Amino acid sequence: MSRRYPALWRALFALMALVVLAQVALEVWLHPRYESDTDLVVAATSAALRCLQASPWSRCPNVSRLPLLQHLPVAALLRAGLAPVEVLRGLTLLNAAAQGAIVVALFRALRGAAPGAPWLAVAGWLGGYGLWYVNSTFGESLAALLTLLAVWSCHRRAAAGAFVATWLASTSKEVAAPFLLALGGLALLLPGGAEREPRATRTTLAACGLGAAAGLASNALFNVWRFGGPVNVGYLDPAFRAAPAQSLMNFAGLWTSPNGGLLWFAPILMAAVLVAAAAPLRGAVVGPRYVARGALAILLALSVGFARWYAPMGWWAWGPRYLLPWLPAVLLLALRAEGGAWQRLATRLGPRGFAGLALALALLAVPNALSLLDSIQYNRFFAHNPACPSVAVQVDAAVYTRALRCMMFSPRSLWWWWLVPVTAKEPLFVASYVGVLWALLWRSGGGPGPEA
């Protein structure tokens, strides 16, 4: 951006941002997407409320195997008197609000870090596959917000907030608690927090631990109520476990698949995290030097776990759905620890080189925006690919493995398949989206930005 006409650039950025926000708002309001999993959650929650009304202390075997957090907002909306269809609309609005809150929280949490870190974080989230979920009823957006708030509260030494957010985030997945504790522990090592009084650090650490314990206890009690024991037996079917060879393929797909891998579907966010993790270890304090690498290691560990599941991407969804709740917190930790690494990269590349990198990353993010405009292209892509066999996980595991491999690594990439036809329909939105991302990235590298 030129420094000669700051008012002109501010006006142009505002116009492009308005186009993007207006299109996203229209998609949320006019084209809410009701997922099949959510229909099950609404039906199961309705049955659970009837069980509670009939006998609060009796078991309720009609509740689904899905996590507790997915049932909580549905129960609140049903208790408010909303019909099932209205509940689904309410969930889309809740997820849209959660997505907006993630952007605001990332920006605020990183204002005290490297100068360009807040802009990089906003570009990373807006340029990622999370945009597909803004008008969806899937529960990952709310889980992502709670996980981010839990980690941010730990860094700020806000013990009460850390306890509540960790508790709720622990109910998003029954295996979430140890990873939340690991992320919270890293947050306590971040610059700007480690030098605070030890008592506040110990109190916050205890609050995170109590929140995780409360989440585990809530999950166990919920399972006792619906299954008769503390374990979610709905997930114990051996057919849901991937064999070792398939797990390796799933792990590779979670990161590199052109139809769902993190490196393709979250290009800006992953570039920011990888640059921070690759930064040379500096400083005398041991803890903060390893935070970015520790956050990346936790993301890798989560990928190993989800790779053992029969549907590592979260079944019919855009990008690796199960990893989505963890990305904002990982991004926050990486940029709080090594946000300056991005500006050092910009300095080494020079203005022209960094401008080219910013443009390339913005263009890589375009399919995420297009997926919002035409969200069912994922099904169309595979429906027109006869090389992929139909999935039948509990009928023929070998056929399912071949189908999954074909879906993740098909020669015709879903990532670019419909780029031209959909862009031709919405050129103003696509151009504005690229322009907004480029401006944010340019500002993150030290160039003048929207506020210049």
Foldseek 3Di string as FASTA:
>chain_A
DDPPCLVVQLVLLVVLVVLQVVVLVCLQPVPFAEDPVLVLLLVQLVQVVVVCVVPVPAFRQSHDLAFPLLNVQSNVVVVVVDDPVVSQSVLLQVLLVLLVVLLVLLLVLCVPAPPLLNLLLNLLSLLFLCSQSNRYNDPLSVLLSLLQQLQSCLLVLVLVSVLQSLLSNCRNDVPCLVLSLLLSVLSCLFPPRVPDDVVSNVSNNVSSVNSSVNNLVVQQVSCCRNPVGRDSVVCVPPLFFDDPVQLVLQLCLCAPFLQAHCCLRRVSLVVLLVLLQPDDQDDDRDSLSCQSVSLVVSLSVVSSVLSRTLCQLVPPDGHNSVSSSSSSSSSSRSCSSRVVSLLVVCVVLDPVRLLVVLLVSLVSSLLSVLCSVVVCVLVVVVVPVVVADDADSVPDVVSNSSNVSCSRHPPDRPSCNCVVVSCVVPVSSSVSSSVNSSQSSCVSNPDDHSVD
